[in-house]
Amino acid sequence: LTATRVARLRRSISKSGSTMKRAAETELCNARLKDSIPKIELTEIEQKVFKAMLDTVNQFSLGSTVRAAGGWVRDKLLGNSSDDIDIVVDNMSGEEFALKVVEYMTQNAEGNVVSSIGVVKQNPDQSKHLATACFRLYGLSLDVNNLRTETYTEDSRIPVTSIGTPSEDAQRRDFTVNALFYNVTSAEIEDFTGLGLADMRNKIIRTPLPAAETFRDDPLRMLRAVRFAARLNFCLDPGVLQAAADSNMHELLESKVSRERFGIEVDKMMRAQGWRPIAALELMQQSRLLAPVFLPRDFCAALPPESGPLKADSLERGVALARMACSLLAQEHGEQSELRIVTYAALLHAWADRSLTDKKKPRPLAPTLLRAALKIDTLACENAQDVAASANAFSALIGSSVAGTERSAAVGKQMRLAKEQWLQALALGTAIQHVDNAAEAREAFMRNREWIHHSGLVGCWTWKPLLDGKRLMAPPYSVPRGRPVGEVMELQMQWRLANPHLTEDECSRRVLEWGGKRE
């Protein structure tokens, strides 16, 4: 296009009515990117789905332009498959269009290839800001909406939506790489932000609008930026980093976003495979989001003095520990092991020995903090506490001269605490002891791991006493009912942890000796 033609199109976009505006936007977008737009290769099923939509438009003379949007376009460009597609139409609601597709396919398709329609109502807590029509076609899951624009109020991250143009719809999306469209009619990619394709090539997470404006409207997008960057192995645009590091944004994040939404985003990061959890933590560190995420102001303000202050510096060190622990574990299991629990444990390890008083009873501080910060499942919080506490004990053992049966008993005690995650606890404990020396950490981890594997302690968390309570109360032991039986049960476990190959006969002899001394 000539410069004159481009100027005229821009004037049309700013001044024309909706129909001319859409046409001008489409022409300008396609012309600008004609030489650099990559092609999307459709699968056979995707071709059938898109053909069904175009046939529906023609059959009922709908005059609609149908586009695939967002994550499906991004993933196709990355060479990844996707079983669900977001569809947007320009001149009716998503439900109206979906009903027409189902009607057409019911009348013309052979076999049961289309499902009934379900409508997901507006649900801001799940980032659903508009009712969405959902159905399946040829086995693919489709979510259908109309193009829209959004406006926000100062005190809410829930927008007011209205029908918009393709450009307005692209601009209101979270990131440029999620704002790409695939025009089903022309079979071309449309980049109405003018940045999405370049950001895909350069692996950048950037907001279509200025990042400060985007995050002010919806602060949760700060965490989503981190998650997408870690998941896709992209970097954060400097403007995104700068805006996310602003303390005013942190206040908005805590005031406008529920802790459940914090947890959904962060837990997705921590459940990812490979190095993605560590990448996410490091991006949170760069954007100064660690404290706003993991140290809720209300929780910290309510802490009693005896529980001590919770300092953000401990989270910073936790990131370094998580990286080293995960590096050690990668040597054992490769990059496919789940790092969720050990990552949380690394962040919390500094507080694993602290407690809170609740209803006059002490309880561990760290899992209570994690639960308050992210509202994730209680079991995960408790497992993170157990791994952190066990890691602290392993760290002390690694740096000590304890040996023989005393060492076996001490190691076994921590393995019974961490259970199946004892190796993660050992890796984190090794990192605590050798955080500044990767070579020493590797050597210590491998040495202690091999010792444990040959010690007979693996599986000790499933052990039961060799002599159960019923046998203990019967001759020849005749242990009195109640507390004495519990004491002998505990003694048996201590003896076996110190000597994992302890036999029942040897255990019996020790119980008899214990009884003789007691008399």
Protein backbone atom coordinates (compact mmCIF):
# COMPACT_ATOMS: atom_id res chain seq x y z
CA LEU A 1 0.00 0.00 0.00
CA THR A 2 1.11 3.57 -0.65
CA ALA A 3 1.56 5.96 2.25
CA THR A 4 -1.50 7.89 1.03
CA ARG A 5 -3.66 4.78 1.05
CA VAL A 6 -2.46 3.86 4.56
CA ALA A 7 -3.31 7.36 5.82
CA ARG A 8 -6.79 7.14 4.30
CA LEU A 9 -7.41 3.74 5.91
CA ARG A 10 -6.35 5.09 9.30
CA ARG A 11 -8.75 8.02 8.91
CA SER A 12 -11.50 5.56 8.05
CA ILE A 13 -10.80 3.56 11.17
CA SER A 14 -11.02 6.65 13.38
CA LYS A 15 -14.06 8.31 11.77
CA SER A 16 -16.16 5.78 9.85
CA GLY A 17 -19.23 3.82 10.88
CA SER A 18 -18.85 0.27 12.12
CA THR A 19 -19.09 -1.48 8.71
CA MET A 20 -16.51 0.73 6.97
CA LYS A 21 -14.37 0.65 10.12
CA ARG A 22 -14.17 -3.14 10.07
CA ALA A 23 -13.35 -3.19 6.37
CA ALA A 24 -10.61 -0.58 6.78
CA GLU A 25 -9.10 -2.40 9.75
CA THR A 26 -9.01 -5.69 7.87
CA GLU A 27 -7.42 -4.18 4.76
CA LEU A 28 -4.78 -2.31 6.74
CA CYS A 29 -3.96 -5.30 8.89
CA ASN A 30 -3.64 -7.71 5.97
CA ALA A 31 -1.67 -5.30 3.79
CA ARG A 32 0.81 -4.46 6.52
CA LEU A 33 1.63 -8.09 7.17
CA LYS A 34 1.08 -9.69 3.79
CA ASP A 35 4.72 -10.51 3.18
CA SER A 36 5.49 -11.79 6.69
CA ILE A 37 2.38 -13.73 7.72
CA PRO A 38 3.11 -17.42 8.24
CA LYS A 39 0.62 -20.05 7.14
CA ILE A 40 -1.28 -22.36 9.46
CA GLU A 41 -1.52 -25.98 8.39
CA LEU A 42 -4.93 -27.33 9.34
CA THR A 43 -5.56 -30.90 10.30
CA GLU A 44 -8.25 -32.83 8.47
CA ILE A 45 -10.61 -32.40 11.42
CA GLU A 46 -9.95 -28.65 11.64
CA GLN A 47 -10.69 -28.34 7.93
CA LYS A 48 -14.04 -30.07 8.45
CA VAL A 49 -14.90 -27.84 11.40
CA PHE A 50 -14.12 -24.61 9.57
CA LYS A 51 -15.91 -25.78 6.40
CA ALA A 52 -19.01 -26.50 8.50
CA MET A 53 -18.94 -22.95 9.84
CA LEU A 54 -18.55 -21.39 6.40
CA ASP A 55 -21.32 -23.59 5.02
CA THR A 56 -23.54 -22.43 7.89
CA VAL A 57 -22.85 -18.78 7.07
CA ASN A 58 -23.72 -19.38 3.42
CA GLN A 59 -26.76 -21.56 4.07
CA PHE A 60 -28.47 -19.00 6.30
CA SER A 61 -27.02 -15.88 4.58
CA LEU A 62 -25.61 -14.72 7.91
CA GLY A 63 -22.99 -12.39 6.48
CA SER A 64 -20.69 -13.30 9.35
CA THR A 65 -16.91 -13.28 9.35
CA VAL A 66 -15.75 -16.26 11.41
CA ARG A 67 -12.38 -16.20 13.15
CA ALA A 68 -10.44 -18.55 15.37
CA ALA A 69 -8.78 -16.61 18.17
CA GLY A 70 -6.23 -16.61 20.92
CA GLY A 71 -4.49 -19.70 22.19
CA TRP A 72 -5.33 -21.97 19.26
CA VAL A 73 -3.65 -19.58 16.80
CA ARG A 74 -0.62 -19.18 19.07
CA ASP A 75 -0.23 -22.91 19.59
CA LYS A 76 -0.57 -23.71 15.88
CA LEU A 77 2.21 -21.22 15.11
CA LEU A 78 4.35 -22.94 17.74
CA GLY A 79 3.69 -26.30 16.11
CA ASN A 80 1.51 -27.57 18.95
CA SER A 81 -1.83 -29.30 18.55
CA SER A 82 -4.98 -28.18 20.33
CA ASP A 83 -8.29 -29.92 20.89
CA ASP A 84 -10.22 -26.75 21.65
CA ILE A 85 -10.73 -23.60 19.60
CA ASP A 86 -12.05 -20.18 20.58
CA ILE A 87 -14.29 -18.84 17.81
CA VAL A 88 -15.41 -15.21 17.42
CA VAL A 89 -18.04 -13.80 15.08
CA ASP A 90 -18.64 -10.19 14.22
CA ASN A 91 -22.39 -9.66 13.82
CA MET A 92 -24.26 -11.80 16.37
CA SER A 93 -23.79 -13.41 19.75
CA GLY A 94 -21.77 -16.57 20.14
CA GLU A 95 -24.87 -18.50 21.19
CA GLU A 96 -26.82 -17.39 18.12
CA PHE A 97 -24.05 -18.51 15.79
CA ALA A 98 -23.55 -21.81 17.61
CA LEU A 99 -27.26 -22.58 17.31
CA LYS A 100 -27.09 -22.01 13.56
CA VAL A 101 -24.08 -24.32 13.21
CA VAL A 102 -25.81 -27.07 15.18
CA GLU A 103 -29.00 -26.63 13.15
CA TYR A 104 -27.10 -26.85 9.87
CA MET A 105 -25.05 -29.88 10.89
CA THR A 106 -28.06 -31.70 12.30
CA GLN A 107 -29.81 -31.32 8.95
CA ASN A 108 -26.85 -32.03 6.66
CA ALA A 109 -24.15 -34.06 8.38
CA GLU A 110 -23.98 -37.82 8.38
CA GLY A 111 -23.55 -39.38 11.77
CA ASN A 112 -23.48 -37.83 15.20
CA VAL A 113 -20.72 -35.26 14.66
CA VAL A 114 -22.16 -32.30 16.59
CA SER A 115 -23.16 -32.02 20.23
CA SER A 116 -25.81 -29.96 21.91
CA ILE A 117 -24.90 -26.47 23.11
CA GLY A 118 -24.06 -25.50 26.63
CA VAL A 119 -23.78 -21.88 27.69
CA VAL A 120 -21.13 -20.97 30.25
CA LYS A 121 -22.48 -17.94 32.05
CA GLN A 122 -20.39 -14.93 32.92
CA ASN A 123 -17.94 -15.96 35.66
CA PRO A 124 -15.30 -13.30 36.41
CA ASP A 125 -13.59 -15.54 39.01
CA GLN A 126 -12.70 -17.86 36.13
CA SER A 127 -11.86 -14.96 33.77
CA LYS A 128 -15.12 -15.52 31.87
CA HIS A 129 -16.35 -11.97 31.31
CA LEU A 130 -19.05 -12.84 28.78
CA ALA A 131 -21.45 -15.76 28.36
CA THR A 132 -19.85 -18.34 26.04
CA ALA A 133 -21.56 -20.95 23.85
CA CYS A 134 -19.77 -24.30 24.05
CA PHE A 135 -20.24 -27.39 21.90
CA ARG A 136 -18.27 -30.13 20.16
CA LEU A 137 -17.94 -30.57 16.42
CA TYR A 138 -16.07 -33.50 14.88
CA GLY A 139 -14.58 -34.14 18.32
CA LEU A 140 -13.13 -30.65 18.77
CA SER A 141 -14.31 -28.45 21.64
CA LEU A 142 -15.50 -25.03 20.49
CA ASP A 143 -16.12 -21.90 22.59
CA VAL A 144 -18.00 -19.26 20.60
CA ASN A 145 -18.30 -15.55 21.35
CA ASN A 146 -18.83 -12.30 19.53
CA LEU A 147 -16.05 -9.77 19.00
CA ARG A 148 -16.10 -7.36 21.90
CA THR A 149 -14.53 -4.40 23.59
CA GLU A 150 -14.14 -3.93 27.33
CA THR A 151 -14.09 -1.03 29.79
CA TYR A 152 -13.09 -1.23 33.45
CA THR A 153 -13.95 0.63 36.64
CA GLU A 154 -11.29 1.61 39.16
CA ASP A 155 -12.34 -0.80 41.89
CA SER A 156 -12.91 -3.99 39.88
CA ARG A 157 -11.11 -6.25 37.41
CA ILE A 158 -14.50 -7.24 35.95
CA PRO A 159 -15.10 -5.32 32.70
CA VAL A 160 -18.25 -4.02 31.08
CA THR A 161 -18.38 -5.62 27.63
CA SER A 162 -19.96 -4.55 24.37
CA ILE A 163 -19.74 -5.65 20.74
CA GLY A 164 -16.52 -4.47 19.15
CA THR A 165 -14.42 -4.55 16.01
CA PRO A 166 -11.59 -7.04 15.39
CA SER A 167 -9.07 -4.36 16.33
CA GLU A 168 -10.89 -3.50 19.55
CA ASP A 169 -11.16 -7.19 20.41
CA ALA A 170 -7.44 -7.70 19.81
CA GLN A 171 -6.48 -4.65 21.86
CA ARG A 172 -8.51 -5.76 24.89
CA ARG A 173 -6.77 -9.17 25.05
CA ASP A 174 -4.09 -9.87 27.61
CA PHE A 175 -1.00 -10.31 25.40
CA THR A 176 -0.15 -9.73 21.78
CA VAL A 177 0.66 -13.41 21.18
CA ASN A 178 -2.87 -14.23 22.40
CA ALA A 179 -4.45 -11.52 20.23
CA LEU A 180 -3.90 -13.15 16.84
CA PHE A 181 -6.84 -14.24 14.69
CA TYR A 182 -7.18 -16.88 12.00
CA ASN A 183 -9.72 -15.67 9.45
CA VAL A 184 -11.62 -18.80 8.48
CA THR A 185 -12.88 -17.28 5.22
CA SER A 186 -9.52 -16.09 3.88
CA ALA A 187 -7.47 -18.80 5.65
CA GLU A 188 -5.03 -16.10 6.81
CA ILE A 189 -3.64 -14.94 10.13
CA GLU A 190 -4.66 -11.43 11.19
CA ASP A 191 -2.54 -9.39 13.58
CA PHE A 192 -4.57 -6.32 14.51
CA THR A 193 -2.14 -5.22 17.21
CA GLY A 194 0.67 -5.12 14.65
CA LEU A 195 2.96 -6.77 17.21
CA GLY A 196 1.72 -10.32 17.75
CA LEU A 197 3.58 -12.06 14.94
CA ALA A 198 6.81 -10.21 15.67
CA ASP A 199 6.50 -11.08 19.35
CA MET A 200 5.94 -14.73 18.42
CA ARG A 201 9.14 -14.69 16.38
CA ASN A 202 11.11 -12.86 19.08
CA LYS A 203 9.55 -14.81 21.98
CA ILE A 204 8.24 -11.81 23.87
CA ILE A 205 5.24 -11.49 26.19
CA ARG A 206 3.89 -7.98 25.67
CA THR A 207 0.52 -6.33 26.31
CA PRO A 208 -1.36 -4.81 23.33
CA LEU A 209 -2.03 -1.64 25.33
CA PRO A 210 0.55 -0.01 27.64
CA ALA A 211 1.31 -2.55 30.37
CA ALA A 212 0.46 -0.16 33.21
CA GLU A 213 -2.99 0.40 31.74
CA THR A 214 -3.56 -3.31 31.18
CA PHE A 215 -2.49 -4.25 34.72
CA ARG A 216 -4.41 -1.40 36.28
CA ASP A 217 -7.57 -2.74 34.65
CA ASP A 218 -6.87 -6.38 35.49
CA PRO A 219 -3.92 -6.91 37.87
CA LEU A 220 -4.20 -10.70 37.53
CA ARG A 221 -2.60 -10.30 34.12
CA MET A 222 0.72 -9.69 35.87
CA LEU A 223 0.67 -13.31 37.04
CA ARG A 224 -0.63 -14.52 33.70
CA ALA A 225 2.29 -12.79 32.00
CA VAL A 226 4.69 -14.71 34.20
CA ARG A 227 2.87 -18.00 33.57
CA PHE A 228 2.82 -17.62 29.78
CA ALA A 229 6.46 -16.52 29.65
CA ALA A 230 7.55 -19.52 31.73
CA ARG A 231 5.32 -21.95 29.87
CA LEU A 232 6.36 -20.81 26.38
CA ASN A 233 9.99 -20.05 27.28
CA PHE A 234 9.44 -16.42 26.27
CA CYS A 235 10.82 -13.31 27.95
CA LEU A 236 8.83 -10.46 29.46
CA ASP A 237 8.81 -7.17 27.59
CA PRO A 238 10.67 -4.46 29.57
CA GLY A 239 7.46 -2.46 29.82
CA VAL A 240 5.72 -5.47 31.38
CA LEU A 241 8.54 -5.93 33.88
CA GLN A 242 8.55 -2.27 34.81
CA ALA A 243 4.80 -2.10 35.33
CA ALA A 244 4.68 -5.37 37.26
CA ALA A 245 7.41 -4.16 39.62
CA ASP A 246 5.43 -1.05 40.60
CA SER A 247 4.29 -1.17 44.23
CA ASN A 248 1.04 0.57 43.25
CA MET A 249 0.30 -2.38 40.97
CA HIS A 250 1.00 -4.74 43.86
CA GLU A 251 -1.61 -2.95 45.95
CA LEU A 252 -4.12 -3.30 43.12
CA LEU A 253 -3.24 -6.98 42.77
CA GLU A 254 -4.04 -7.62 46.44
CA SER A 255 -7.16 -5.47 46.49
CA LYS A 256 -8.80 -6.48 43.19
CA VAL A 257 -7.85 -10.16 42.82
CA SER A 258 -9.06 -12.95 45.08
CA ARG A 259 -6.51 -15.27 46.65
CA GLU A 260 -8.23 -18.18 44.89
CA ARG A 261 -7.27 -16.61 41.56
CA PHE A 262 -3.71 -16.11 42.82
CA GLY A 263 -3.63 -19.82 43.56
CA ILE A 264 -5.02 -20.93 40.21
CA GLU A 265 -2.36 -19.02 38.29
CA VAL A 266 0.59 -19.81 40.56
CA ASP A 267 -0.29 -23.47 41.00
CA LYS A 268 -0.46 -23.88 37.22
CA MET A 269 3.10 -22.53 37.10
CA MET A 270 4.30 -24.90 39.81
CA ARG A 271 2.63 -27.96 38.25
CA ALA A 272 4.35 -27.41 34.89
CA GLN A 273 7.02 -29.84 33.70
CA GLY A 274 10.75 -29.33 33.43
CA TRP A 275 12.28 -26.00 34.46
CA ARG A 276 9.10 -24.00 34.02
CA PRO A 277 8.36 -23.67 37.78
CA ILE A 278 11.84 -22.26 38.36
CA ALA A 279 11.53 -19.94 35.36
CA ALA A 280 8.23 -18.68 36.78
CA LEU A 281 9.77 -18.00 40.20
CA GLU A 282 12.69 -16.14 38.64
CA LEU A 283 10.32 -14.02 36.57
CA MET A 284 8.34 -13.23 39.73
CA GLN A 285 11.63 -12.30 41.35
CA GLN A 286 12.53 -9.97 38.45
CA SER A 287 9.12 -8.32 38.60
CA ARG A 288 9.15 -8.12 42.42
CA LEU A 289 5.99 -10.19 42.68
CA LEU A 290 7.26 -12.78 45.19
CA ALA A 291 6.21 -10.88 48.29
CA PRO A 292 2.78 -9.77 47.00
CA VAL A 293 2.07 -13.37 46.01
CA PHE A 294 3.45 -15.34 48.95
CA LEU A 295 3.23 -12.85 51.83
CA PRO A 296 -0.37 -11.57 52.04
CA ARG A 297 -0.43 -8.25 53.86
CA ASP A 298 -3.44 -9.13 56.00
CA PHE A 299 -1.88 -12.41 57.11
CA CYS A 300 1.47 -10.84 57.95
CA ALA A 301 -0.15 -7.96 59.82
CA ALA A 302 -2.11 -10.38 62.00
CA LEU A 303 0.92 -12.48 63.00
CA PRO A 304 1.63 -12.47 66.75
CA PRO A 305 5.06 -11.09 67.75
CA GLU A 306 6.34 -14.51 68.86
CA SER A 307 5.92 -15.85 65.30
CA GLY A 308 8.42 -13.25 64.14
CA PRO A 309 8.41 -11.09 60.97
CA LEU A 310 8.30 -12.77 57.56
CA LYS A 311 10.92 -11.18 55.33
CA ALA A 312 10.85 -11.12 51.55
CA ASP A 313 14.60 -11.87 51.56
CA SER A 314 13.75 -15.42 52.60
CA LEU A 315 11.68 -15.84 49.45
CA GLU A 316 14.56 -14.55 47.34
CA ARG A 317 16.86 -17.18 48.86
CA GLY A 318 14.13 -19.75 48.39
CA VAL A 319 14.24 -19.19 44.63
CA ALA A 320 17.97 -19.96 44.57
CA LEU A 321 17.41 -23.07 46.70
CA ALA A 322 14.58 -24.24 44.45
CA ARG A 323 16.79 -23.88 41.38
CA MET A 324 19.59 -25.95 42.89
CA ALA A 325 17.27 -28.59 44.34
CA CYS A 326 15.54 -29.01 41.00
CA SER A 327 18.90 -29.24 39.25
CA LEU A 328 19.87 -32.11 41.55
CA LEU A 329 16.53 -33.86 41.00
CA ALA A 330 16.86 -33.49 37.23
CA GLN A 331 19.94 -35.70 37.42
CA GLU A 332 17.83 -38.38 39.11
CA HIS A 333 14.55 -38.23 37.19
CA GLY A 334 15.20 -36.02 34.17
CA GLU A 335 13.16 -32.92 33.48
CA GLN A 336 9.75 -34.59 33.66
CA SER A 337 9.47 -34.92 37.45
CA GLU A 338 6.90 -32.70 39.15
CA LEU A 339 8.60 -29.96 41.15
CA ARG A 340 5.52 -28.40 42.70
CA ILE A 341 6.00 -29.51 46.31
CA VAL A 342 9.77 -29.05 46.52
CA THR A 343 9.40 -25.58 44.98
CA TYR A 344 6.87 -24.51 47.58
CA ALA A 345 9.06 -26.12 50.27
CA ALA A 346 12.10 -24.14 49.12
CA LEU A 347 10.18 -20.87 49.38
CA LEU A 348 8.92 -21.73 52.88
CA HIS A 349 11.92 -23.51 54.39
CA ALA A 350 13.02 -20.49 56.47
CA TRP A 351 9.72 -20.66 58.38
CA ALA A 352 9.30 -24.46 58.57
CA ASP A 353 10.28 -24.50 62.26
CA ARG A 354 7.98 -21.65 63.29
CA SER A 355 4.51 -22.11 64.70
CA LEU A 356 1.27 -20.25 65.30
CA THR A 357 -1.08 -20.59 68.25
CA ASP A 358 -4.58 -21.49 67.10
CA LYS A 359 -7.26 -22.23 69.70
CA LYS A 360 -4.52 -22.51 72.31
CA LYS A 361 -2.73 -25.17 70.25
CA PRO A 362 0.46 -24.63 68.24
CA ARG A 363 0.38 -25.37 64.54
CA PRO A 364 3.04 -24.97 61.83
CA LEU A 365 3.28 -21.48 60.37
CA ALA A 366 4.46 -22.35 56.84
CA PRO A 367 1.45 -24.39 55.59
CA THR A 368 -0.93 -21.86 57.12
CA LEU A 369 0.87 -19.09 55.24
CA LEU A 370 0.82 -21.01 51.95
CA ARG A 371 -2.86 -21.77 52.32
CA ALA A 372 -3.63 -18.10 53.06
CA ALA A 373 -1.56 -16.92 50.08
CA LEU A 374 -2.86 -19.28 47.40
CA LYS A 375 -5.90 -21.14 48.76
CA ILE A 376 -4.52 -24.36 47.25
CA ASP A 377 -5.37 -27.77 48.65
CA THR A 378 -4.47 -28.35 52.29
CA LEU A 379 -2.60 -31.58 51.52
CA ALA A 380 -0.15 -29.76 49.23
CA CYS A 381 0.48 -27.15 51.94
CA GLU A 382 1.13 -29.87 54.53
CA ASN A 383 3.39 -31.82 52.15
CA ALA A 384 5.42 -28.67 51.47
CA GLN A 385 5.81 -28.15 55.23
CA ASP A 386 6.95 -31.77 55.73
CA VAL A 387 9.48 -31.56 52.89
CA ALA A 388 10.78 -28.20 54.17
CA ALA A 389 11.14 -29.44 57.76
CA SER A 390 12.79 -32.66 56.60
CA ALA A 391 15.12 -30.69 54.32
CA ASN A 392 16.25 -28.49 57.21
CA ALA A 393 17.05 -31.63 59.24
CA PHE A 394 18.84 -33.25 56.27
CA SER A 395 20.91 -30.09 55.88
CA ALA A 396 22.07 -30.34 59.51
CA LEU A 397 22.88 -34.04 59.06
CA ILE A 398 24.86 -33.43 55.86
CA GLY A 399 27.06 -30.97 57.71
CA SER A 400 27.53 -33.18 60.80
CA SER A 401 29.74 -36.13 61.77
CA VAL A 402 26.83 -38.35 62.85
CA ALA A 403 27.44 -41.93 61.69
CA GLY A 404 26.43 -45.54 62.20
CA THR A 405 23.10 -46.44 63.78
CA GLU A 406 22.63 -42.88 65.01
CA ARG A 407 22.84 -41.61 61.44
CA SER A 408 20.47 -44.32 60.20
CA ALA A 409 17.88 -43.45 62.86
CA ALA A 410 18.13 -39.72 62.13
CA VAL A 411 17.84 -40.17 58.37
CA GLY A 412 14.97 -42.64 58.74
CA LYS A 413 13.06 -40.23 60.95
CA GLN A 414 13.16 -37.57 58.24
CA MET A 415 12.23 -40.06 55.53
CA ARG A 416 9.15 -41.04 57.54
CA LEU A 417 8.24 -37.36 57.69
CA ALA A 418 8.72 -36.65 53.96
CA LYS A 419 7.51 -40.11 52.87
CA GLU A 420 7.61 -40.63 49.07
CA GLN A 421 9.08 -37.16 48.68
CA TRP A 422 12.18 -37.94 50.75
CA LEU A 423 14.42 -37.48 47.68
CA GLN A 424 13.05 -33.97 47.17
CA ALA A 425 13.72 -33.25 50.84
CA LEU A 426 17.27 -34.55 50.47
CA ALA A 427 17.83 -32.41 47.36
CA LEU A 428 16.53 -29.31 49.13
CA GLY A 429 18.55 -30.08 52.27
CA THR A 430 21.66 -30.46 50.12
CA ALA A 431 20.91 -27.13 48.43
CA ILE A 432 20.56 -25.43 51.83
CA GLN A 433 23.95 -26.77 52.85
CA HIS A 434 25.75 -26.03 49.54
CA VAL A 435 23.72 -23.27 47.89
CA ASP A 436 26.85 -21.44 46.67
CA ASN A 437 28.73 -24.46 45.30
CA ALA A 438 26.97 -26.56 42.67
CA ALA A 439 29.82 -29.10 42.38
CA GLU A 440 29.86 -29.78 46.13
CA ALA A 441 26.08 -30.00 46.13
CA ARG A 442 26.07 -32.62 43.36
CA GLU A 443 28.73 -34.70 45.10
CA ALA A 444 26.97 -34.55 48.48
CA PHE A 445 23.56 -35.35 46.98
CA MET A 446 24.82 -38.36 45.04
CA ARG A 447 26.79 -39.68 48.03
CA ASN A 448 23.88 -39.43 50.43
CA ARG A 449 21.36 -40.71 47.91
CA GLU A 450 23.48 -43.81 47.30
CA TRP A 451 23.93 -44.37 51.03
CA ILE A 452 20.16 -44.24 51.55
CA HIS A 453 19.44 -46.57 48.65
CA HIS A 454 21.76 -49.18 50.21
CA SER A 455 20.71 -48.55 53.81
CA GLY A 456 17.45 -50.49 53.73
CA LEU A 457 15.50 -47.35 54.75
CA VAL A 458 13.66 -46.79 51.48
CA GLY A 459 9.99 -47.41 52.19
CA CYS A 460 10.39 -46.94 55.95
CA TRP A 461 7.37 -44.62 56.01
CA THR A 462 5.21 -47.72 55.38
CA TRP A 463 6.73 -49.81 58.18
CA LYS A 464 4.61 -51.12 61.01
CA PRO A 465 5.94 -52.46 64.34
CA LEU A 466 7.19 -56.03 64.06
CA LEU A 467 5.16 -56.89 67.17
CA ASP A 468 1.65 -55.45 67.24
CA GLY A 469 -0.23 -54.32 70.35
CA LYS A 470 -2.14 -57.57 70.80
CA ARG A 471 1.05 -59.64 70.87
CA LEU A 472 2.76 -57.20 73.20
CA MET A 473 0.01 -57.52 75.83
CA ALA A 474 0.14 -61.33 75.69
CA PRO A 475 2.83 -63.56 77.25
CA PRO A 476 5.78 -63.66 77.19
CA TYR A 477 5.85 -59.85 76.91
CA SER A 478 2.80 -58.97 79.03
CA VAL A 479 3.16 -55.25 78.40
CA PRO A 480 0.48 -53.35 80.35
CA ARG A 481 -2.35 -51.89 78.28
CA GLY A 482 -2.32 -48.18 77.43
CA ARG A 483 0.73 -45.92 77.49
CA PRO A 484 3.32 -48.71 77.94
CA VAL A 485 2.11 -50.42 74.76
CA GLY A 486 2.44 -47.13 72.85
CA GLU A 487 5.93 -46.66 74.27
CA VAL A 488 7.06 -50.10 73.09
CA MET A 489 5.51 -49.56 69.66
CA GLU A 490 7.54 -46.36 69.30
CA LEU A 491 10.69 -48.09 70.58
CA GLN A 492 10.32 -50.78 67.94
CA MET A 493 10.28 -48.14 65.22
CA GLN A 494 13.36 -46.44 66.66
CA TRP A 495 15.23 -49.76 66.82
CA ARG A 496 14.33 -50.60 63.24
CA LEU A 497 15.26 -47.18 61.88
CA ALA A 498 18.65 -47.53 63.57
CA ASN A 499 18.96 -51.07 62.19
CA PRO A 500 16.75 -51.41 59.09
CA HIS A 501 17.48 -55.14 58.85
CA LEU A 502 16.25 -55.84 62.37
CA THR A 503 14.59 -59.27 62.61
CA GLU A 504 11.48 -60.17 64.58
CA ASP A 505 13.53 -62.42 66.87
CA GLU A 506 15.92 -59.58 67.70
CA CYS A 507 13.02 -57.24 68.27
CA SER A 508 11.39 -59.79 70.58
CA ARG A 509 14.60 -60.08 72.61
CA ARG A 510 14.80 -56.31 73.01
CA VAL A 511 11.18 -56.04 74.14
CA LEU A 512 11.82 -58.71 76.79
CA GLU A 513 14.92 -56.82 77.94
CA TRP A 514 12.87 -53.64 78.13
CA GLY A 515 10.29 -55.43 80.28
CA GLY A 516 12.96 -56.78 82.59
CA LYS A 517 14.48 -53.35 83.12
CA ARG A 518 11.05 -51.86 83.73
CA GLU A 519 10.37 -54.36 86.53
